[in-house]
Amino acid sequence: MGYGYLDIVCNIFTPEAVALGQTGVDEDFKAQVRMDPALRGGISIDDYLRKMDAAGIERSLMIAVRAGDMRVKGSFEVPYETIAELCARHPDRFSGLAGIDQTRGMRGLAELERAVRDYGFVGAHWYPHWFACAPDAAQIYPYYAKCCELDIPIMMQVGQNLVYSRERRLPSVARPILLDQVAIDFPELVIIGIHLGVPWVDEMIAMCWKHDNVYAAGDAYAPRHWPAQFVHYANTYGSHKVMFGTDFPVIDPERAARECAALGLRDTSHAALMRDNAMRVFRKIPR
């Protein structure tokens, strides 16, 4: 479809995934984020592809989520194989992100390597809050090293997290400033702070400005509500450090693309946000 937008943060939200408990959110959360009631039971991949087309999104990076130690009640995961099969069916539209569960130790490291080398995944994804594990904790460091070895970026949710399910309330353990030591220890590692770093957006910008290898993504919040300082950063001196994402089903892709277009960014800044930066950072995305 040419050179369309690239959504770097997307979750599988099919009726099957909802039924299997692979989304981690309850009805209260869906109401809190004002999810379209018509979508709350899930959406087929074919229907989601139509949404991508309407939004001008060429490719979405789909997360094989690992959300918490599976020995703890309330944790869930989307198997790597599920996302690999989806990407194999639609190689021009989806690429995989390997969710990280650092409690799996060496087994998890081997699985991450297999996801990249055998399944063609293009990056890693980690949820610190699901593990109550800060980004600068020793337990996650081997995974940073493995990402360097595999030449893939790692994205992680920074800032606050919401109550996704009333049965499992999670702490906010990943202020953006905690990326500081990680970026110092792993200058070769591309680190992407997703979810804007809210409410510590200035910290997220500061980390991107300080470190060549730290980036930010404007996902999970509707662009019309992005903090003014983030919009300014994306339009000016940080235009090379920000990327577009939806965190679907949190934000509808058609709405996200429409509202990004309405931010009033310079043409070059808008192109960098919506595609160019991600294509530079995710070097394993097929060209």
C-alpha atoms as a PDB file:
ATOM      1  CA  MET A   1       0.000   0.000   0.000  1.00  0.00           C
ATOM      2  CA  GLY A   2       2.969   2.316  -0.423  1.00  0.00           C
ATOM      3  CA  TYR A   3       4.548   4.171   2.465  1.00  0.00           C
ATOM      4  CA  GLY A   4       1.927   4.562   5.143  1.00  0.00           C
ATOM      5  CA  TYR A   5       2.132   5.153   8.874  1.00  0.00           C
ATOM      6  CA  LEU A   6       3.706   2.736  11.334  1.00  0.00           C
ATOM      7  CA  ASP A   7       1.957   1.954  14.633  1.00  0.00           C
ATOM      8  CA  ILE A   8       4.676   0.733  16.984  1.00  0.00           C
ATOM      9  CA  VAL A   9       2.371  -0.408  19.837  1.00  0.00           C
ATOM     10  CA  CYS A  10      -0.621  -2.623  19.118  1.00  0.00           C
ATOM     11  CA  ASN A  11      -2.355  -5.431  21.035  1.00  0.00           C
ATOM     12  CA  ILE A  12      -4.245  -8.349  19.588  1.00  0.00           C
ATOM     13  CA  PHE A  13      -7.880  -7.845  20.555  1.00  0.00           C
ATOM     14  CA  THR A  14      -9.799 -10.490  18.682  1.00  0.00           C
ATOM     15  CA  PRO A  15     -12.904 -12.107  20.176  1.00  0.00           C
ATOM     16  CA  GLU A  16     -10.767 -15.204  20.726  1.00  0.00           C
ATOM     17  CA  ALA A  17      -8.127 -13.254  22.669  1.00  0.00           C
ATOM     18  CA  VAL A  18     -10.832 -11.634  24.794  1.00  0.00           C
ATOM     19  CA  ALA A  19     -12.436 -15.006  25.519  1.00  0.00           C
ATOM     20  CA  LEU A  20      -9.077 -16.542  26.462  1.00  0.00           C
ATOM     21  CA  GLY A  21      -8.290 -13.735  28.916  1.00  0.00           C
ATOM     22  CA  GLN A  22      -5.312 -12.538  26.855  1.00  0.00           C
ATOM     23  CA  THR A  23      -6.105  -8.832  27.165  1.00  0.00           C
ATOM     24  CA  GLY A  24      -5.724  -8.234  30.902  1.00  0.00           C
ATOM     25  CA  VAL A  25      -8.468  -5.606  31.115  1.00  0.00           C
ATOM     26  CA  ASP A  26     -11.898  -5.736  32.690  1.00  0.00           C
ATOM     27  CA  GLU A  27     -15.116  -3.911  31.824  1.00  0.00           C
ATOM     28  CA  ASP A  28     -14.343  -1.112  34.298  1.00  0.00           C
ATOM     29  CA  PHE A  29     -11.113  -0.334  32.460  1.00  0.00           C
ATOM     30  CA  LYS A  30     -12.846  -0.369  29.091  1.00  0.00           C
ATOM     31  CA  ALA A  31     -15.345   2.160  30.411  1.00  0.00           C
ATOM     32  CA  GLN A  32     -12.625   4.306  31.999  1.00  0.00           C
ATOM     33  CA  VAL A  33     -10.750   4.707  28.697  1.00  0.00           C
ATOM     34  CA  ARG A  34     -14.051   5.236  26.865  1.00  0.00           C
ATOM     35  CA  MET A  35     -13.576   2.280  24.580  1.00  0.00           C
ATOM     36  CA  ASP A  36     -16.206   2.063  21.861  1.00  0.00           C
ATOM     37  CA  PRO A  37     -18.860  -0.343  23.210  1.00  0.00           C
ATOM     38  CA  ALA A  38     -18.975  -2.008  19.791  1.00  0.00           C
ATOM     39  CA  LEU A  39     -15.307  -3.027  20.198  1.00  0.00           C
ATOM     40  CA  ARG A  40     -15.372  -4.272  23.773  1.00  0.00           C
ATOM     41  CA  GLY A  41     -15.973  -7.883  22.824  1.00  0.00           C
ATOM     42  CA  GLY A  42     -13.088  -7.879  20.364  1.00  0.00           C
ATOM     43  CA  ILE A  43     -12.549  -7.252  16.659  1.00  0.00           C
ATOM     44  CA  SER A  44     -11.518  -9.661  13.907  1.00  0.00           C
ATOM     45  CA  ILE A  45      -8.160  -9.250  12.214  1.00  0.00           C
ATOM     46  CA  ASP A  46      -9.891  -8.546   8.903  1.00  0.00           C
ATOM     47  CA  ASP A  47     -11.898  -5.751  10.493  1.00  0.00           C
ATOM     48  CA  TYR A  48      -8.777  -4.393  12.160  1.00  0.00           C
ATOM     49  CA  LEU A  49      -6.960  -4.354   8.831  1.00  0.00           C
ATOM     50  CA  ARG A  50      -9.810  -2.264   7.459  1.00  0.00           C
ATOM     51  CA  LYS A  51      -9.290   0.157  10.345  1.00  0.00           C
ATOM     52  CA  MET A  52      -5.583   0.320   9.540  1.00  0.00           C
ATOM     53  CA  ASP A  53      -6.390   1.054   5.911  1.00  0.00           C
ATOM     54  CA  ALA A  54      -8.817   3.825   6.865  1.00  0.00           C
ATOM     55  CA  ALA A  55      -6.187   5.345   9.176  1.00  0.00           C
ATOM     56  CA  GLY A  56      -3.402   5.137   6.592  1.00  0.00           C
ATOM     57  CA  ILE A  57      -1.403   2.686   8.716  1.00  0.00           C
ATOM     58  CA  GLU A  58       0.837   0.472   6.615  1.00  0.00           C
ATOM     59  CA  ARG A  59       2.164  -1.743   9.406  1.00  0.00           C
ATOM     60  CA  SER A  60       1.401  -2.388  13.079  1.00  0.00           C
ATOM     61  CA  LEU A  61       3.816  -3.905  15.564  1.00  0.00           C
ATOM     62  CA  MET A  62       1.827  -6.520  17.462  1.00  0.00           C
ATOM     63  CA  ILE A  63       2.894  -7.441  20.985  1.00  0.00           C
ATOM     64  CA  ALA A  64       3.198 -11.023  22.171  1.00  0.00           C
ATOM     65  CA  VAL A  65       2.414  -9.749  25.645  1.00  0.00           C
ATOM     66  CA  ARG A  66       3.900 -11.210  28.799  1.00  0.00           C
ATOM     67  CA  ALA A  67       2.121  -9.572  31.680  1.00  0.00           C
ATOM     68  CA  GLY A  68       3.383 -10.807  35.021  1.00  0.00           C
ATOM     69  CA  ASP A  69       4.889 -13.964  36.428  1.00  0.00           C
ATOM     70  CA  MET A  70       2.529 -16.716  35.267  1.00  0.00           C
ATOM     71  CA  ARG A  71       2.820 -18.361  38.679  1.00  0.00           C
ATOM     72  CA  VAL A  72       0.935 -15.369  40.112  1.00  0.00           C
ATOM     73  CA  LYS A  73      -2.845 -15.215  39.807  1.00  0.00           C
ATOM     74  CA  GLY A  74      -4.039 -12.567  37.388  1.00  0.00           C
ATOM     75  CA  SER A  75      -0.999 -12.706  35.079  1.00  0.00           C
ATOM     76  CA  PHE A  76      -1.516 -13.472  31.405  1.00  0.00           C
ATOM     77  CA  GLU A  77       0.369 -13.848  28.164  1.00  0.00           C
ATOM     78  CA  VAL A  78      -0.131 -13.953  24.419  1.00  0.00           C
ATOM     79  CA  PRO A  79       2.028 -16.816  23.116  1.00  0.00           C
ATOM     80  CA  TYR A  80       4.822 -15.871  20.751  1.00  0.00           C
ATOM     81  CA  GLU A  81       3.435 -18.456  18.335  1.00  0.00           C
ATOM     82  CA  THR A  82       0.071 -16.670  18.151  1.00  0.00           C
ATOM     83  CA  ILE A  83       1.701 -13.442  16.989  1.00  0.00           C
ATOM     84  CA  ALA A  84       4.160 -15.271  14.733  1.00  0.00           C
ATOM     85  CA  GLU A  85       1.257 -16.971  12.947  1.00  0.00           C
ATOM     86  CA  LEU A  86      -0.535 -13.647  12.534  1.00  0.00           C
ATOM     87  CA  CYS A  87       2.580 -12.031  11.064  1.00  0.00           C
ATOM     88  CA  ALA A  88       3.093 -14.995   8.726  1.00  0.00           C
ATOM     89  CA  ARG A  89      -0.462 -14.578   7.406  1.00  0.00           C
ATOM     90  CA  HIS A  90      -0.020 -10.827   6.885  1.00  0.00           C
ATOM     91  CA  PRO A  91       3.730 -10.222   6.447  1.00  0.00           C
ATOM     92  CA  ASP A  92       3.212  -6.823   4.837  1.00  0.00           C
ATOM     93  CA  ARG A  93       0.963  -5.520   7.615  1.00  0.00           C
ATOM     94  CA  PHE A  94       2.175  -6.897  10.960  1.00  0.00           C
ATOM     95  CA  SER A  95       5.497  -7.454  12.703  1.00  0.00           C
ATOM     96  CA  GLY A  96       5.943  -9.029  16.114  1.00  0.00           C
ATOM     97  CA  LEU A  97       7.254  -7.690  19.414  1.00  0.00           C
ATOM     98  CA  ALA A  98       8.513 -10.233  21.937  1.00  0.00           C
ATOM     99  CA  GLY A  99       7.054  -9.690  25.379  1.00  0.00           C
ATOM    100  CA  ILE A 100       9.548 -10.135  28.201  1.00  0.00           C
ATOM    101  CA  ASP A 101       9.025 -11.944  31.488  1.00  0.00           C
ATOM    102  CA  GLN A 102      12.345 -11.529  33.242  1.00  0.00           C
ATOM    103  CA  THR A 103      11.376 -14.037  35.945  1.00  0.00           C
ATOM    104  CA  ARG A 104      11.960 -16.825  33.394  1.00  0.00           C
ATOM    105  CA  GLY A 105      15.719 -16.306  33.538  1.00  0.00           C
ATOM    106  CA  MET A 106      17.785 -18.189  30.968  1.00  0.00           C
ATOM    107  CA  ARG A 107      14.707 -19.847  29.469  1.00  0.00           C
ATOM    108  CA  GLY A 108      13.229 -16.426  28.755  1.00  0.00           C
ATOM    109  CA  LEU A 109      16.466 -15.281  27.116  1.00  0.00           C
ATOM    110  CA  ALA A 110      16.448 -18.331  24.827  1.00  0.00           C
ATOM    111  CA  GLU A 111      12.810 -17.666  23.947  1.00  0.00           C
ATOM    112  CA  LEU A 112      13.581 -14.034  23.106  1.00  0.00           C
ATOM    113  CA  GLU A 113      16.386 -15.123  20.797  1.00  0.00           C
ATOM    114  CA  ARG A 114      14.121 -17.645  19.084  1.00  0.00           C
ATOM    115  CA  ALA A 115      11.408 -15.003  18.602  1.00  0.00           C
ATOM    116  CA  VAL A 116      13.856 -12.769  16.739  1.00  0.00           C
ATOM    117  CA  ARG A 117      15.887 -15.338  14.833  1.00  0.00           C
ATOM    118  CA  ASP A 118      13.125 -17.846  13.967  1.00  0.00           C
ATOM    119  CA  TYR A 119       9.905 -15.824  14.057  1.00  0.00           C
ATOM    120  CA  GLY A 120      11.247 -12.569  12.665  1.00  0.00           C
ATOM    121  CA  PHE A 121      10.164 -10.380  15.581  1.00  0.00           C
ATOM    122  CA  VAL A 122      11.554  -6.855  15.298  1.00  0.00           C
ATOM    123  CA  GLY A 123      11.753  -5.714  18.921  1.00  0.00           C
ATOM    124  CA  ALA A 124      11.126  -6.487  22.578  1.00  0.00           C
ATOM    125  CA  HIS A 125       8.372  -5.208  24.845  1.00  0.00           C
ATOM    126  CA  TRP A 126       8.310  -5.114  28.653  1.00  0.00           C
ATOM    127  CA  TYR A 127       5.740  -4.087  31.260  1.00  0.00           C
ATOM    128  CA  PRO A 128       7.648  -3.162  34.453  1.00  0.00           C
ATOM    129  CA  HIS A 129       4.487  -2.672  36.504  1.00  0.00           C
ATOM    130  CA  TRP A 130       3.186  -6.186  35.864  1.00  0.00           C
ATOM    131  CA  PHE A 131       6.310  -7.454  37.627  1.00  0.00           C
ATOM    132  CA  ALA A 132       6.678  -4.646  40.203  1.00  0.00           C
ATOM    133  CA  CYS A 133      10.197  -4.364  38.777  1.00  0.00           C
ATOM    134  CA  ALA A 134      11.812  -1.011  38.060  1.00  0.00           C
ATOM    135  CA  PRO A 135      13.669  -0.455  34.755  1.00  0.00           C
ATOM    136  CA  ASP A 136      17.031  -0.223  36.523  1.00  0.00           C
ATOM    137  CA  ALA A 137      16.585  -3.451  38.513  1.00  0.00           C
ATOM    138  CA  ALA A 138      19.306  -6.096  38.214  1.00  0.00           C
ATOM    139  CA  GLN A 139      16.859  -8.824  37.181  1.00  0.00           C
ATOM    140  CA  ILE A 140      16.058  -7.219  33.820  1.00  0.00           C
ATOM    141  CA  TYR A 141      19.651  -6.362  32.871  1.00  0.00           C
ATOM    142  CA  PRO A 142      20.406  -9.689  31.112  1.00  0.00           C
ATOM    143  CA  TYR A 143      17.488  -8.979  28.789  1.00  0.00           C
ATOM    144  CA  TYR A 144      18.900  -5.580  27.908  1.00  0.00           C
ATOM    145  CA  ALA A 145      22.160  -7.290  27.037  1.00  0.00           C
ATOM    146  CA  LYS A 146      20.356  -9.862  24.887  1.00  0.00           C
ATOM    147  CA  CYS A 147      18.537  -7.078  23.006  1.00  0.00           C
ATOM    148  CA  CYS A 148      21.916  -5.488  22.260  1.00  0.00           C
ATOM    149  CA  GLU A 149      23.212  -8.829  21.020  1.00  0.00           C
ATOM    150  CA  LEU A 150      20.148  -9.299  18.791  1.00  0.00           C
ATOM    151  CA  ASP A 151      20.276  -5.674  17.587  1.00  0.00           C
ATOM    152  CA  ILE A 152      16.660  -4.943  18.530  1.00  0.00           C
ATOM    153  CA  PRO A 153      15.099  -2.069  20.477  1.00  0.00           C
ATOM    154  CA  ILE A 154      13.177  -2.593  23.685  1.00  0.00           C
ATOM    155  CA  MET A 155      10.075  -0.629  24.547  1.00  0.00           C
ATOM    156  CA  MET A 156       8.547  -0.399  27.986  1.00  0.00           C
ATOM    157  CA  GLN A 157       5.671   1.402  29.618  1.00  0.00           C
ATOM    158  CA  VAL A 158       6.951   4.295  31.683  1.00  0.00           C
ATOM    159  CA  GLY A 159       4.962   6.634  33.888  1.00  0.00           C
ATOM    160  CA  GLN A 160       1.835   5.616  35.713  1.00  0.00           C
ATOM    161  CA  ASN A 161      -0.328   2.626  34.957  1.00  0.00           C
ATOM    162  CA  LEU A 162      -4.051   2.324  35.495  1.00  0.00           C
ATOM    163  CA  VAL A 163      -6.099  -0.349  37.233  1.00  0.00           C
ATOM    164  CA  TYR A 164      -6.564  -2.776  34.363  1.00  0.00           C
ATOM    165  CA  SER A 165      -8.480  -5.237  36.497  1.00  0.00           C
ATOM    166  CA  ARG A 166      -9.938  -4.779  39.951  1.00  0.00           C
ATOM    167  CA  GLU A 167      -8.608  -8.251  40.798  1.00  0.00           C
ATOM    168  CA  ARG A 168      -4.961  -7.283  40.237  1.00  0.00           C
ATOM    169  CA  ARG A 169      -3.878  -3.744  41.106  1.00  0.00           C
ATOM    170  CA  LEU A 170      -0.355  -2.911  39.974  1.00  0.00           C
ATOM    171  CA  PRO A 171       2.161  -0.341  41.248  1.00  0.00           C
ATOM    172  CA  SER A 172       3.627   2.413  39.080  1.00  0.00           C
ATOM    173  CA  VAL A 173       7.325   1.535  39.277  1.00  0.00           C
ATOM    174  CA  ALA A 174       8.759   3.016  36.081  1.00  0.00           C
ATOM    175  CA  ARG A 175       9.257   6.765  36.237  1.00  0.00           C
ATOM    176  CA  PRO A 176      11.119   7.855  33.089  1.00  0.00           C
ATOM    177  CA  ILE A 177      14.094   9.099  35.119  1.00  0.00           C
ATOM    178  CA  LEU A 178      14.857   5.449  35.902  1.00  0.00           C
ATOM    179  CA  LEU A 179      15.918   5.015  32.283  1.00  0.00           C
ATOM    180  CA  ASP A 180      18.899   7.243  33.000  1.00  0.00           C
ATOM    181  CA  GLN A 181      21.195   4.582  34.449  1.00  0.00           C
ATOM    182  CA  VAL A 182      20.008   1.995  31.925  1.00  0.00           C
ATOM    183  CA  ALA A 183      20.913   4.269  29.017  1.00  0.00           C
ATOM    184  CA  ILE A 184      24.320   4.897  30.589  1.00  0.00           C
ATOM    185  CA  ASP A 185      24.993   1.191  31.140  1.00  0.00           C
ATOM    186  CA  PHE A 186      23.774   0.165  27.668  1.00  0.00           C
ATOM    187  CA  PRO A 187      24.587   2.961  25.194  1.00  0.00           C
ATOM    188  CA  GLU A 188      24.132   0.478  22.326  1.00  0.00           C
ATOM    189  CA  LEU A 189      20.545  -0.335  23.391  1.00  0.00           C
ATOM    190  CA  VAL A 190      17.648   1.527  21.818  1.00  0.00           C
ATOM    191  CA  ILE A 191      15.150   2.221  24.618  1.00  0.00           C
ATOM    192  CA  ILE A 192      11.638   3.422  23.842  1.00  0.00           C
ATOM    193  CA  GLY A 193       9.501   4.815  26.643  1.00  0.00           C
ATOM    194  CA  ILE A 194       5.901   4.220  25.633  1.00  0.00           C
ATOM    195  CA  HIS A 195       2.746   5.834  27.046  1.00  0.00           C
ATOM    196  CA  LEU A 196       4.346   9.318  27.050  1.00  0.00           C
ATOM    197  CA  GLY A 197       5.666   8.968  30.610  1.00  0.00           C
ATOM    198  CA  VAL A 198       2.474  10.524  32.021  1.00  0.00           C
ATOM    199  CA  PRO A 199       2.411  12.218  34.516  1.00  0.00           C
ATOM    200  CA  TRP A 200       6.203  12.663  34.276  1.00  0.00           C
ATOM    201  CA  VAL A 201       6.264  13.837  30.667  1.00  0.00           C
ATOM    202  CA  ASP A 202       9.045  16.339  31.331  1.00  0.00           C
ATOM    203  CA  GLU A 203      11.208  13.495  32.654  1.00  0.00           C
ATOM    204  CA  MET A 204      10.549  11.512  29.475  1.00  0.00           C
ATOM    205  CA  ILE A 205      11.570  14.464  27.322  1.00  0.00           C
ATOM    206  CA  ALA A 206      14.665  15.015  29.481  1.00  0.00           C
ATOM    207  CA  MET A 207      15.781  11.406  29.024  1.00  0.00           C
ATOM    208  CA  CYS A 208      15.284  11.619  25.244  1.00  0.00           C
ATOM    209  CA  TRP A 209      17.200  14.886  25.115  1.00  0.00           C
ATOM    210  CA  LYS A 210      20.060  13.588  27.265  1.00  0.00           C
ATOM    211  CA  HIS A 211      20.569  10.177  25.699  1.00  0.00           C
ATOM    212  CA  ASP A 212      21.006   9.411  22.011  1.00  0.00           C
ATOM    213  CA  ASN A 213      19.554   5.946  22.552  1.00  0.00           C
ATOM    214  CA  VAL A 214      16.313   6.909  24.355  1.00  0.00           C
ATOM    215  CA  TYR A 215      13.104   7.548  22.423  1.00  0.00           C
ATOM    216  CA  ALA A 216       9.451   8.164  23.300  1.00  0.00           C
ATOM    217  CA  ALA A 217       6.145   7.012  21.845  1.00  0.00           C
ATOM    218  CA  GLY A 218       2.878   8.908  21.937  1.00  0.00           C
ATOM    219  CA  ASP A 219       0.565   5.961  22.471  1.00  0.00           C
ATOM    220  CA  ALA A 220      -2.268   5.109  24.883  1.00  0.00           C
ATOM    221  CA  TYR A 221      -3.363   8.755  25.051  1.00  0.00           C
ATOM    222  CA  ALA A 222      -5.461  10.424  22.369  1.00  0.00           C
ATOM    223  CA  PRO A 223      -3.214  12.896  20.505  1.00  0.00           C
ATOM    224  CA  ARG A 224      -5.606  15.770  21.073  1.00  0.00           C
ATOM    225  CA  HIS A 225      -4.877  15.359  24.787  1.00  0.00           C
ATOM    226  CA  TRP A 226      -1.088  15.063  24.519  1.00  0.00           C
ATOM    227  CA  PRO A 227       0.668  17.506  26.876  1.00  0.00           C
ATOM    228  CA  ALA A 228       1.667  20.715  25.151  1.00  0.00           C
ATOM    229  CA  GLN A 229       5.361  20.221  25.936  1.00  0.00           C
ATOM    230  CA  PHE A 230       5.351  16.829  24.209  1.00  0.00           C
ATOM    231  CA  VAL A 231       3.721  18.265  21.082  1.00  0.00           C
ATOM    232  CA  HIS A 232       6.314  21.060  21.064  1.00  0.00           C
ATOM    233  CA  TYR A 233       9.127  18.531  21.495  1.00  0.00           C
ATOM    234  CA  ALA A 234       7.773  16.379  18.661  1.00  0.00           C
ATOM    235  CA  ASN A 235       7.538  19.390  16.390  1.00  0.00           C
ATOM    236  CA  THR A 236      10.943  20.954  17.113  1.00  0.00           C
ATOM    237  CA  TYR A 237      14.175  19.799  18.723  1.00  0.00           C
ATOM    238  CA  GLY A 238      12.859  16.305  19.445  1.00  0.00           C
ATOM    239  CA  SER A 239      11.266  15.548  16.107  1.00  0.00           C
ATOM    240  CA  HIS A 240      13.801  12.755  15.543  1.00  0.00           C
ATOM    241  CA  LYS A 241      13.055  11.068  18.902  1.00  0.00           C
ATOM    242  CA  VAL A 242       9.273  10.417  18.929  1.00  0.00           C
ATOM    243  CA  MET A 243       7.124   7.704  17.377  1.00  0.00           C
ATOM    244  CA  PHE A 244       3.467   7.051  16.703  1.00  0.00           C
ATOM    245  CA  GLY A 245       1.525   4.311  18.455  1.00  0.00           C
ATOM    246  CA  THR A 246      -2.014   3.567  19.545  1.00  0.00           C
ATOM    247  CA  ASP A 247      -1.794   0.829  22.172  1.00  0.00           C
ATOM    248  CA  PHE A 248      -4.956  -0.450  20.506  1.00  0.00           C
ATOM    249  CA  PRO A 249      -7.580  -1.182  21.795  1.00  0.00           C
ATOM    250  CA  VAL A 250      -6.920   1.764  24.122  1.00  0.00           C
ATOM    251  CA  ILE A 251      -6.886   4.276  21.252  1.00  0.00           C
ATOM    252  CA  ASP A 252      -8.654   3.681  17.952  1.00  0.00           C
ATOM    253  CA  PRO A 253      -6.182   3.927  15.038  1.00  0.00           C
ATOM    254  CA  GLU A 254      -8.460   6.070  12.896  1.00  0.00           C
ATOM    255  CA  ARG A 255      -8.872   8.569  15.717  1.00  0.00           C
ATOM    256  CA  ALA A 256      -5.145   8.565  16.485  1.00  0.00           C
ATOM    257  CA  ALA A 257      -4.104   9.259  12.898  1.00  0.00           C
ATOM    258  CA  ARG A 258      -6.757  11.940  12.467  1.00  0.00           C
ATOM    259  CA  GLU A 259      -5.784  13.740  15.674  1.00  0.00           C
ATOM    260  CA  CYS A 260      -2.054  13.560  14.900  1.00  0.00           C
ATOM    261  CA  ALA A 261      -2.780  15.242  11.577  1.00  0.00           C
ATOM    262  CA  ALA A 262      -4.600  17.993  13.473  1.00  0.00           C
ATOM    263  CA  LEU A 263      -1.711  18.771  15.840  1.00  0.00           C
ATOM    264  CA  GLY A 264      -0.309  21.352  13.431  1.00  0.00           C
ATOM    265  CA  LEU A 265       3.123  19.736  13.136  1.00  0.00           C
ATOM    266  CA  ARG A 266       5.538  20.686  10.399  1.00  0.00           C
ATOM    267  CA  ASP A 267       5.373  18.296   7.460  1.00  0.00           C
ATOM    268  CA  THR A 268       8.830  16.901   8.240  1.00  0.00           C
ATOM    269  CA  SER A 269       7.993  16.485  11.941  1.00  0.00           C
ATOM    270  CA  HIS A 270       4.706  14.737  11.151  1.00  0.00           C
ATOM    271  CA  ALA A 271       6.460  12.347   8.754  1.00  0.00           C
ATOM    272  CA  ALA A 272       9.135  11.604  11.350  1.00  0.00           C
ATOM    273  CA  LEU A 273       6.521  10.901  14.035  1.00  0.00           C
ATOM    274  CA  MET A 274       4.264   8.736  11.905  1.00  0.00           C
ATOM    275  CA  ARG A 275       6.834   6.613  10.090  1.00  0.00           C
ATOM    276  CA  ASP A 276      10.391   7.767   9.514  1.00  0.00           C
ATOM    277  CA  ASN A 277      11.735   7.484  13.067  1.00  0.00           C
ATOM    278  CA  ALA A 278      10.286   4.016  13.575  1.00  0.00           C
ATOM    279  CA  MET A 279      11.712   2.766  10.291  1.00  0.00           C
ATOM    280  CA  ARG A 280      15.135   4.009  11.377  1.00  0.00           C
ATOM    281  CA  VAL A 281      14.926   2.504  14.878  1.00  0.00           C
ATOM    282  CA  PHE A 282      13.340  -0.877  14.030  1.00  0.00           C
ATOM    283  CA  ARG A 283      16.025  -2.021  11.671  1.00  0.00           C
ATOM    284  CA  LYS A 284      14.583  -5.522  11.261  1.00  0.00           C
ATOM    285  CA  ILE A 285      11.263  -4.334   9.785  1.00  0.00           C
ATOM    286  CA  PRO A 286      11.124  -5.611   6.181  1.00  0.00           C
ATOM    287  CA  ARG A 287      11.968  -2.938   3.635  1.00  0.00           C
END
